[in-house]
Amino acid sequence: MRFVRTRQGAVERLLWTRDSKLVGQLTEHLSDARKIELADSGWCVIAAAQHLTDDLAGGLAHEASYGLVDVDPSEPPTERYLVALGHAIQISGLGDRIGMGETPEIASRKVLSLFLACHEHHVEFQPIADLKTLKANEWECLFRLSPGMGSKSIGDVVEAALKANRPVELDSFIVQATLARIAQVAESGPDGRRMRFGVNFLPTSLLAPPFEANALADKVRAVGLSPNQIIVEVTEQQAINDVPRLKKQVRALRRLGFGFAVDDAGAGYASFTVIAALEPTIIKIDREIVQGIGNKDAEAKKALVEAFVSFSRRIGAETIAEGIENRRDLVALQERGVDFGQGYLLGRSAVSPVQPRYRRQAEEVTLAIPAVAGWDKPVRPRVASGH
């Protein structure tokens, strides 16, 4: 049985096998081939893609197992052959037999490659409501995965991008698609130019050249939007290792009109120290603090929210409570002066922005922005959380 993986347009290919006869025959046929013996782990043959073809390998292999893959020239030179070798061993089906099962790095690269190849991802919008009026003029953009991703969540994709050291590539893909969708929404609604949208970023991405403040402003303007319509949210999946550089970037973003939010305050990496250093315009209080705050035994949570509210006012920021799911919690947050909230009680995400829904005395009011053509059909979310 043989396993082949090829891709049109490859420059080099790498074949791995444990069959020395196949290796010998290949090197006889290919004058440009490089043969590398891997101790007790077989051999690999590297040659030009137009010469090391599926037909040649298959015709010589007979019953020998092998894996044939393209060498990705976009990988760093020090890694591309090692990565290709790992793929080839896995494709051969013999990885477990030689103690070279799929590594976390290879698995991560596969998840990210699948994500970038899918074309059915979409963006949903969850309302962020003013807790005084229960109306919204701001929505968080949540990136929903294509059904082709199977059981994978957006969190799995983010984790894969971090392990593969490709977070900027991931965010570039997501941000481009998100801004394009926001532009459609803003164009379609009468209040589109007054609406604001939260877009999630990993800290590493914000420090990369493609997302330097002026470059990001250019991306926003290129789709017909204004920076003051966009709130940059730093997500919690990654530690902020270079706070001084990020602080400089935040100041540059704010000068251009962007909002800046620290997500999941009170959990993970979003500590008071980091928040104080970054001086965000918005502090998003983590759902673990919010949920159950209306209970009688939740004095610690109430005190912590009061501290966030006081802290935010001292630095000129606003607060958003995440994960509001019942009226008790909503009232407790209102009583403590939290500015905004989001959660299932106020409104689930939808393919077009919808004003918050809140039941009071059996009445429900729903105000919807007209859907853009192609986005007006309901789509079942594949994941429960956004990037």
Foldseek 3Di string as FASTA:
>chain_A
DEFEDEDPPFFKKKKWFQDVQLVVVLCVQAVAWDWDQDVNRGIMIMDTDVRPDPVSSVVSQPPTYMYMYGQDPVDPPVCRVVLNVLRTCVRSVCCVVVVRPRDLLNVLVVLLVQQVPDDPKAKWWFFKAFLVVLWGQETEIFIFGDCSSPLDGVVSNCVSCVSNVNQLVVLVVVVLRVLLLLLLLLVQFPCSQSHAYEDEGELVNCLDVCNQQVNVQVSNVVSPHAQLRYEYEHDQPDANPCLVSLLVSLVSSVVRNHFYEYEQQPDHRNDPVSCVSNLGQEYEHHQVLLPPCLPPPNPVSLVVLLVVCVSCVVSNHAYEYEADDDDSSSVSNVVSPHGIYTHVQQHDIASFDKITWHDDPNDTDIDTRDDDPPRPDGDDGSDDGGD
